[in-house]
Amino acid sequence: HDMLTLTGGAIGQGLPSAVGAAVAC
């Protein structure tokens, strides 16, 4: 599997990032 993490420490990234990952794949 792939794992994406909070690269910049600014919380609120996870749900939007999941949107983008799902659109890409």
mmCIF file of all heavy atoms, coordinates in Angstrom:
data_MODEL
# 
_entry.id   MODEL 
# 
loop_
_atom_site.group_PDB 
_atom_site.id 
_atom_site.type_symbol 
_atom_site.label_atom_id 
_atom_site.label_alt_id 
_atom_site.label_comp_id 
_atom_site.label_asym_id 
_atom_site.label_entity_id 
_atom_site.label_seq_id 
_atom_site.pdbx_PDB_ins_code 
_atom_site.Cartn_x 
_atom_site.Cartn_y 
_atom_site.Cartn_z 
_atom_site.occupancy 
_atom_site.B_iso_or_equiv 
_atom_site.pdbx_formal_charge 
_atom_site.auth_seq_id 
_atom_site.auth_comp_id 
_atom_site.auth_asym_id 
_atom_site.auth_atom_id 
_atom_site.pdbx_PDB_model_num 
ATOM 1   N N   . HIS A 1 1  ? 0.842   -1.198 0.000   1.00 0.00 ? 1  HIS A N   1 
ATOM 2   C CA  . HIS A 1 1  ? 0.000   0.000  0.000   1.00 0.00 ? 1  HIS A CA  1 
ATOM 3   C C   . HIS A 1 1  ? 0.876   1.246  0.000   1.00 0.00 ? 1  HIS A C   1 
ATOM 4   O O   . HIS A 1 1  ? 2.095   1.175  0.199   1.00 0.00 ? 1  HIS A O   1 
ATOM 5   C CB  . HIS A 1 1  ? -0.923  0.006  1.221   1.00 0.00 ? 1  HIS A CB  1 
ATOM 6   C CG  . HIS A 1 1  ? -0.195  -0.045 2.529   1.00 0.00 ? 1  HIS A CG  1 
ATOM 7   N ND1 . HIS A 1 1  ? 0.261   -1.239 3.073   1.00 0.00 ? 1  HIS A ND1 1 
ATOM 8   C CD2 . HIS A 1 1  ? 0.173   0.921  3.412   1.00 0.00 ? 1  HIS A CD2 1 
ATOM 9   C CE1 . HIS A 1 1  ? 0.874   -1.002 4.222   1.00 0.00 ? 1  HIS A CE1 1 
ATOM 10  N NE2 . HIS A 1 1  ? 0.833   0.307  4.452   1.00 0.00 ? 1  HIS A NE2 1 
ATOM 11  N N   . ASP A 1 2  ? 0.251   2.388  -0.231  1.00 0.00 ? 2  ASP A N   1 
ATOM 12  C CA  . ASP A 1 2  ? 0.907   3.685  -0.108  1.00 0.00 ? 2  ASP A CA  1 
ATOM 13  C C   . ASP A 1 2  ? 0.401   4.375  1.149   1.00 0.00 ? 2  ASP A C   1 
ATOM 14  O O   . ASP A 1 2  ? -0.754  4.199  1.545   1.00 0.00 ? 2  ASP A O   1 
ATOM 15  C CB  . ASP A 1 2  ? 0.590   4.580  -1.310  1.00 0.00 ? 2  ASP A CB  1 
ATOM 16  C CG  . ASP A 1 2  ? 1.323   4.141  -2.564  1.00 0.00 ? 2  ASP A CG  1 
ATOM 17  O OD1 . ASP A 1 2  ? 2.479   4.556  -2.740  1.00 0.00 ? 2  ASP A OD1 1 
ATOM 18  O OD2 . ASP A 1 2  ? 0.734   3.382  -3.355  1.00 0.00 ? 2  ASP A OD2 1 
ATOM 19  N N   . MET A 1 3  ? 1.274   5.185  1.757   1.00 0.00 ? 3  MET A N   1 
ATOM 20  C CA  . MET A 1 3  ? 0.864   5.984  2.903   1.00 0.00 ? 3  MET A CA  1 
ATOM 21  C C   . MET A 1 3  ? 1.264   7.428  2.664   1.00 0.00 ? 3  MET A C   1 
ATOM 22  O O   . MET A 1 3  ? 2.412   7.720  2.294   1.00 0.00 ? 3  MET A O   1 
ATOM 23  C CB  . MET A 1 3  ? 1.503   5.474  4.198   1.00 0.00 ? 3  MET A CB  1 
ATOM 24  C CG  . MET A 1 3  ? 1.047   6.233  5.443   1.00 0.00 ? 3  MET A CG  1 
ATOM 25  S SD  . MET A 1 3  ? 1.779   5.603  6.984   1.00 0.00 ? 3  MET A SD  1 
ATOM 26  C CE  . MET A 1 3  ? 0.833   4.097  7.215   1.00 0.00 ? 3  MET A CE  1 
ATOM 27  N N   . LEU A 1 4  ? 0.304   8.339  2.871   1.00 0.00 ? 4  LEU A N   1 
ATOM 28  C CA  . LEU A 1 4  ? 0.535   9.776  2.774   1.00 0.00 ? 4  LEU A CA  1 
ATOM 29  C C   . LEU A 1 4  ? 0.446   10.355 4.175   1.00 0.00 ? 4  LEU A C   1 
ATOM 30  O O   . LEU A 1 4  ? -0.445  9.995  4.944   1.00 0.00 ? 4  LEU A O   1 
ATOM 31  C CB  . LEU A 1 4  ? -0.510  10.443 1.876   1.00 0.00 ? 4  LEU A CB  1 
ATOM 32  C CG  . LEU A 1 4  ? -0.831  9.779  0.536   1.00 0.00 ? 4  LEU A CG  1 
ATOM 33  C CD1 . LEU A 1 4  ? -1.833  10.628 -0.244  1.00 0.00 ? 4  LEU A CD1 1 
ATOM 34  C CD2 . LEU A 1 4  ? 0.413   9.533  -0.287  1.00 0.00 ? 4  LEU A CD2 1 
ATOM 35  N N   . THR A 1 5  ? 1.362   11.270 4.512   1.00 0.00 ? 5  THR A N   1 
ATOM 36  C CA  . THR A 1 5  ? 1.381   11.795 5.871   1.00 0.00 ? 5  THR A CA  1 
ATOM 37  C C   . THR A 1 5  ? 1.391   13.323 5.878   1.00 0.00 ? 5  THR A C   1 
ATOM 38  O O   . THR A 1 5  ? 1.479   13.973 4.835   1.00 0.00 ? 5  THR A O   1 
ATOM 39  C CB  . THR A 1 5  ? 2.590   11.258 6.663   1.00 0.00 ? 5  THR A CB  1 
ATOM 40  O OG1 . THR A 1 5  ? 3.785   11.907 6.223   1.00 0.00 ? 5  THR A OG1 1 
ATOM 41  C CG2 . THR A 1 5  ? 2.737   9.756  6.514   1.00 0.00 ? 5  THR A CG2 1 
ATOM 42  N N   . LEU A 1 6  ? 1.368   13.870 7.075   1.00 0.00 ? 6  LEU A N   1 
ATOM 43  C CA  . LEU A 1 6  ? 1.203   15.307 7.302   1.00 0.00 ? 6  LEU A CA  1 
ATOM 44  C C   . LEU A 1 6  ? 2.562   16.011 7.181   1.00 0.00 ? 6  LEU A C   1 
ATOM 45  O O   . LEU A 1 6  ? 3.210   16.312 8.171   1.00 0.00 ? 6  LEU A O   1 
ATOM 46  C CB  . LEU A 1 6  ? 0.584   15.533 8.683   1.00 0.00 ? 6  LEU A CB  1 
ATOM 47  C CG  . LEU A 1 6  ? 0.213   16.955 9.090   1.00 0.00 ? 6  LEU A CG  1 
ATOM 48  C CD1 . LEU A 1 6  ? -0.807  17.551 8.136   1.00 0.00 ? 6  LEU A CD1 1 
ATOM 49  C CD2 . LEU A 1 6  ? -0.324  16.958 10.515  1.00 0.00 ? 6  LEU A CD2 1 
ATOM 50  N N   . THR A 1 7  ? 2.971   16.301 5.967   1.00 0.00 ? 7  THR A N   1 
ATOM 51  C CA  . THR A 1 7  ? 4.331   16.757 5.700   1.00 0.00 ? 7  THR A CA  1 
ATOM 52  C C   . THR A 1 7  ? 4.685   18.090 6.341   1.00 0.00 ? 7  THR A C   1 
ATOM 53  O O   . THR A 1 7  ? 5.837   18.314 6.716   1.00 0.00 ? 7  THR A O   1 
ATOM 54  C CB  . THR A 1 7  ? 4.564   16.869 4.186   1.00 0.00 ? 7  THR A CB  1 
ATOM 55  O OG1 . THR A 1 7  ? 3.462   17.588 3.602   1.00 0.00 ? 7  THR A OG1 1 
ATOM 56  C CG2 . THR A 1 7  ? 4.652   15.501 3.544   1.00 0.00 ? 7  THR A CG2 1 
ATOM 57  N N   . GLY A 1 8  ? 3.715   18.984 6.458   1.00 0.00 ? 8  GLY A N   1 
ATOM 58  C CA  . GLY A 1 8  ? 4.016   20.313 6.972   1.00 0.00 ? 8  GLY A CA  1 
ATOM 59  C C   . GLY A 1 8  ? 3.535   20.568 8.381   1.00 0.00 ? 8  GLY A C   1 
ATOM 60  O O   . GLY A 1 8  ? 3.765   21.647 8.931   1.00 0.00 ? 8  GLY A O   1 
ATOM 61  N N   . GLY A 1 9  ? 2.849   19.597 8.968   1.00 0.00 ? 9  GLY A N   1 
ATOM 62  C CA  . GLY A 1 9  ? 2.389   19.744 10.346  1.00 0.00 ? 9  GLY A CA  1 
ATOM 63  C C   . GLY A 1 9  ? 1.144   20.594 10.528  1.00 0.00 ? 9  GLY A C   1 
ATOM 64  O O   . GLY A 1 9  ? 0.670   20.754 11.651  1.00 0.00 ? 9  GLY A O   1 
ATOM 65  N N   . ALA A 1 10 ? 0.586   21.154 9.449   1.00 0.00 ? 10 ALA A N   1 
ATOM 66  C CA  . ALA A 1 10 ? -0.622  21.984 9.554   1.00 0.00 ? 10 ALA A CA  1 
ATOM 67  C C   . ALA A 1 10 ? -1.836  21.063 9.466   1.00 0.00 ? 10 ALA A C   1 
ATOM 68  O O   . ALA A 1 10 ? -2.157  20.538 8.396   1.00 0.00 ? 10 ALA A O   1 
ATOM 69  C CB  . ALA A 1 10 ? -0.657  23.025 8.438   1.00 0.00 ? 10 ALA A CB  1 
ATOM 70  N N   . ILE A 1 11 ? -2.516  20.856 10.599  1.00 0.00 ? 11 ILE A N   1 
ATOM 71  C CA  . ILE A 1 11 ? -3.584  19.861 10.623  1.00 0.00 ? 11 ILE A CA  1 
ATOM 72  C C   . ILE A 1 11 ? -4.780  20.326 9.787   1.00 0.00 ? 11 ILE A C   1 
ATOM 73  O O   . ILE A 1 11 ? -4.958  21.505 9.524   1.00 0.00 ? 11 ILE A O   1 
ATOM 74  C CB  . ILE A 1 11 ? -4.000  19.489 12.049  1.00 0.00 ? 11 ILE A CB  1 
ATOM 75  C CG1 . ILE A 1 11 ? -4.532  20.704 12.815  1.00 0.00 ? 11 ILE A CG1 1 
ATOM 76  C CG2 . ILE A 1 11 ? -2.841  18.856 12.793  1.00 0.00 ? 11 ILE A CG2 1 
ATOM 77  C CD1 . ILE A 1 11 ? -5.074  20.342 14.198  1.00 0.00 ? 11 ILE A CD1 1 
ATOM 78  N N   . GLY A 1 12 ? -5.586  19.350 9.385   1.00 0.00 ? 12 GLY A N   1 
ATOM 79  C CA  . GLY A 1 12 ? -6.677  19.602 8.449   1.00 0.00 ? 12 GLY A CA  1 
ATOM 80  C C   . GLY A 1 12 ? -6.328  19.140 7.046   1.00 0.00 ? 12 GLY A C   1 
ATOM 81  O O   . GLY A 1 12 ? -7.030  19.445 6.088   1.00 0.00 ? 12 GLY A O   1 
ATOM 82  N N   . GLN A 1 13 ? -5.265  18.370 6.922   1.00 0.00 ? 13 GLN A N   1 
ATOM 83  C CA  . GLN A 1 13 ? -4.792  17.900 5.626   1.00 0.00 ? 13 GLN A CA  1 
ATOM 84  C C   . GLN A 1 13 ? -5.423  16.579 5.207   1.00 0.00 ? 13 GLN A C   1 
ATOM 85  O O   . GLN A 1 13 ? -5.608  16.314 4.024   1.00 0.00 ? 13 GLN A O   1 
ATOM 86  C CB  . GLN A 1 13 ? -3.259  17.745 5.669   1.00 0.00 ? 13 GLN A CB  1 
ATOM 87  C CG  . GLN A 1 13 ? -2.618  17.180 4.419   1.00 0.00 ? 13 GLN A CG  1 
ATOM 88  C CD  . GLN A 1 13 ? -2.245  15.701 4.559   1.00 0.00 ? 13 GLN A CD  1 
ATOM 89  O OE1 . GLN A 1 13 ? -2.367  15.128 5.647   1.00 0.00 ? 13 GLN A OE1 1 
ATOM 90  N NE2 . GLN A 1 13 ? -1.829  15.090 3.474   1.00 0.00 ? 13 GLN A NE2 1 
ATOM 91  N N   . GLY A 1 14 ? -5.767  15.719 6.180   1.00 0.00 ? 14 GLY A N   1 
ATOM 92  C CA  . GLY A 1 14 ? -6.085  14.336 5.881   1.00 0.00 ? 14 GLY A CA  1 
ATOM 93  C C   . GLY A 1 14 ? -7.306  14.111 5.009   1.00 0.00 ? 14 GLY A C   1 
ATOM 94  O O   . GLY A 1 14 ? -7.236  13.409 3.995   1.00 0.00 ? 14 GLY A O   1 
ATOM 95  N N   . LEU A 1 15 ? -8.455  14.666 5.394   1.00 0.00 ? 15 LEU A N   1 
ATOM 96  C CA  . LEU A 1 15 ? -9.671  14.447 4.603   1.00 0.00 ? 15 LEU A CA  1 
ATOM 97  C C   . LEU A 1 15 ? -9.546  15.018 3.190   1.00 0.00 ? 15 LEU A C   1 
ATOM 98  O O   . LEU A 1 15 ? -9.895  14.339 2.216   1.00 0.00 ? 15 LEU A O   1 
ATOM 99  C CB  . LEU A 1 15 ? -10.881 15.023 5.333   1.00 0.00 ? 15 LEU A CB  1 
ATOM 100 C CG  . LEU A 1 15 ? -11.300 14.300 6.617   1.00 0.00 ? 15 LEU A CG  1 
ATOM 101 C CD1 . LEU A 1 15 ? -12.443 15.050 7.309   1.00 0.00 ? 15 LEU A CD1 1 
ATOM 102 C CD2 . LEU A 1 15 ? -11.724 12.855 6.331   1.00 0.00 ? 15 LEU A CD2 1 
ATOM 103 N N   . PRO A 1 16 ? -9.060  16.267 3.012   1.00 0.00 ? 16 PRO A N   1 
ATOM 104 C CA  . PRO A 1 16 ? -8.872  16.759 1.641   1.00 0.00 ? 16 PRO A CA  1 
ATOM 105 C C   . PRO A 1 16 ? -7.873  15.928 0.833   1.00 0.00 ? 16 PRO A C   1 
ATOM 106 O O   . PRO A 1 16 ? -8.089  15.672 -0.354  1.00 0.00 ? 16 PRO A O   1 
ATOM 107 C CB  . PRO A 1 16 ? -8.361  18.186 1.854   1.00 0.00 ? 16 PRO A CB  1 
ATOM 108 C CG  . PRO A 1 16 ? -8.859  18.586 3.193   1.00 0.00 ? 16 PRO A CG  1 
ATOM 109 C CD  . PRO A 1 16 ? -8.813  17.334 4.004   1.00 0.00 ? 16 PRO A CD  1 
ATOM 110 N N   . SER A 1 17 ? -6.790  15.508 1.474   1.00 0.00 ? 17 SER A N   1 
ATOM 111 C CA  . SER A 1 17 ? -5.799  14.705 0.759   1.00 0.00 ? 17 SER A CA  1 
ATOM 112 C C   . SER A 1 17 ? -6.397  13.384 0.294   1.00 0.00 ? 17 SER A C   1 
ATOM 113 O O   . SER A 1 17 ? -6.083  12.896 -0.796  1.00 0.00 ? 17 SER A O   1 
ATOM 114 C CB  . SER A 1 17 ? -4.590  14.448 1.669   1.00 0.00 ? 17 SER A CB  1 
ATOM 115 O OG  . SER A 1 17 ? -3.539  13.845 0.961   1.00 0.00 ? 17 SER A OG  1 
ATOM 116 N N   . ALA A 1 18 ? -7.292  12.816 1.108   1.00 0.00 ? 18 ALA A N   1 
ATOM 117 C CA  . ALA A 1 18 ? -7.977  11.591 0.703   1.00 0.00 ? 18 ALA A CA  1 
ATOM 118 C C   . ALA A 1 18 ? -8.856  11.821 -0.516  1.00 0.00 ? 18 ALA A C   1 
ATOM 119 O O   . ALA A 1 18 ? -8.956  10.959 -1.400  1.00 0.00 ? 18 ALA A O   1 
ATOM 120 C CB  . ALA A 1 18 ? -8.810  11.066 1.872   1.00 0.00 ? 18 ALA A CB  1 
ATOM 121 N N   . VAL A 1 19 ? -9.493  12.995 -0.589  1.00 0.00 ? 19 VAL A N   1 
ATOM 122 C CA  . VAL A 1 19 ? -10.270 13.355 -1.784  1.00 0.00 ? 19 VAL A CA  1 
ATOM 123 C C   . VAL A 1 19 ? -9.380  13.318 -3.019  1.00 0.00 ? 19 VAL A C   1 
ATOM 124 O O   . VAL A 1 19 ? -9.702  12.692 -4.041  1.00 0.00 ? 19 VAL A O   1 
ATOM 125 C CB  . VAL A 1 19 ? -10.902 14.752 -1.622  1.00 0.00 ? 19 VAL A CB  1 
ATOM 126 C CG1 . VAL A 1 19 ? -11.435 15.266 -2.963  1.00 0.00 ? 19 VAL A CG1 1 
ATOM 127 C CG2 . VAL A 1 19 ? -12.030 14.718 -0.597  1.00 0.00 ? 19 VAL A CG2 1 
ATOM 128 N N   . GLY A 1 20 ? -8.240  13.994 -2.933  1.00 0.00 ? 20 GLY A N   1 
ATOM 129 C CA  . GLY A 1 20 ? -7.339  14.048 -4.077  1.00 0.00 ? 20 GLY A CA  1 
ATOM 130 C C   . GLY A 1 20 ? -6.793  12.690 -4.463  1.00 0.00 ? 20 GLY A C   1 
ATOM 131 O O   . GLY A 1 20 ? -6.696  12.358 -5.654  1.00 0.00 ? 20 GLY A O   1 
ATOM 132 N N   . ALA A 1 21 ? -6.427  11.874 -3.474  1.00 0.00 ? 21 ALA A N   1 
ATOM 133 C CA  . ALA A 1 21 ? -5.900  10.542 -3.759  1.00 0.00 ? 21 ALA A CA  1 
ATOM 134 C C   . ALA A 1 21 ? -6.948  9.683  -4.459  1.00 0.00 ? 21 ALA A C   1 
ATOM 135 O O   . ALA A 1 21 ? -6.641  8.925  -5.385  1.00 0.00 ? 21 ALA A O   1 
ATOM 136 C CB  . ALA A 1 21 ? -5.439  9.877  -2.463  1.00 0.00 ? 21 ALA A CB  1 
ATOM 137 N N   . ALA A 1 22 ? -8.205  9.795  -4.026  1.00 0.00 ? 22 ALA A N   1 
ATOM 138 C CA  . ALA A 1 22 ? -9.277  9.010  -4.637  1.00 0.00 ? 22 ALA A CA  1 
ATOM 139 C C   . ALA A 1 22 ? -9.570  9.460  -6.063  1.00 0.00 ? 22 ALA A C   1 
ATOM 140 O O   . ALA A 1 22 ? -9.896  8.643  -6.927  1.00 0.00 ? 22 ALA A O   1 
ATOM 141 C CB  . ALA A 1 22 ? -10.547 9.104  -3.784  1.00 0.00 ? 22 ALA A CB  1 
ATOM 142 N N   . VAL A 1 23 ? -9.454  10.767 -6.330  1.00 0.00 ? 23 VAL A N   1 
ATOM 143 C CA  . VAL A 1 23 ? -9.636  11.259 -7.700  1.00 0.00 ? 23 VAL A CA  1 
ATOM 144 C C   . VAL A 1 23 ? -8.497  10.766 -8.591  1.00 0.00 ? 23 VAL A C   1 
ATOM 145 O O   . VAL A 1 23 ? -8.705  10.362 -9.737  1.00 0.00 ? 23 VAL A O   1 
ATOM 146 C CB  . VAL A 1 23 ? -9.717  12.801 -7.709  1.00 0.00 ? 23 VAL A CB  1 
ATOM 147 C CG1 . VAL A 1 23 ? -9.680  13.339 -9.139  1.00 0.00 ? 23 VAL A CG1 1 
ATOM 148 C CG2 . VAL A 1 23 ? -10.995 13.269 -7.014  1.00 0.00 ? 23 VAL A CG2 1 
ATOM 149 N N   . ALA A 1 24 ? -7.268  10.762 -8.056  1.00 0.00 ? 24 ALA A N   1 
ATOM 150 C CA  . ALA A 1 24 ? -6.113  10.324 -8.837  1.00 0.00 ? 24 ALA A CA  1 
ATOM 151 C C   . ALA A 1 24 ? -6.134  8.827  -9.111  1.00 0.00 ? 24 ALA A C   1 
ATOM 152 O O   . ALA A 1 24 ? -5.693  8.381  -10.174 1.00 0.00 ? 24 ALA A O   1 
ATOM 153 C CB  . ALA A 1 24 ? -4.823  10.691 -8.098  1.00 0.00 ? 24 ALA A CB  1 
ATOM 154 N N   . CYS A 1 25 ? -6.659  8.040  -8.167  1.00 0.00 ? 25 CYS A N   1 
ATOM 155 C CA  . CYS A 1 25 ? -6.609  6.569  -8.257  1.00 0.00 ? 25 CYS A CA  1 
ATOM 156 C C   . CYS A 1 25 ? -8.000  5.993  -7.992  1.00 0.00 ? 25 CYS A C   1 
ATOM 157 O O   . CYS A 1 25 ? -8.241  5.397  -6.934  1.00 0.00 ? 25 CYS A O   1 
ATOM 158 C CB  . CYS A 1 25 ? -5.607  6.016  -7.251  1.00 0.00 ? 25 CYS A CB  1 
ATOM 159 S SG  . CYS A 1 25 ? -3.936  6.688  -7.400  1.00 0.00 ? 25 CYS A SG  1 
# 
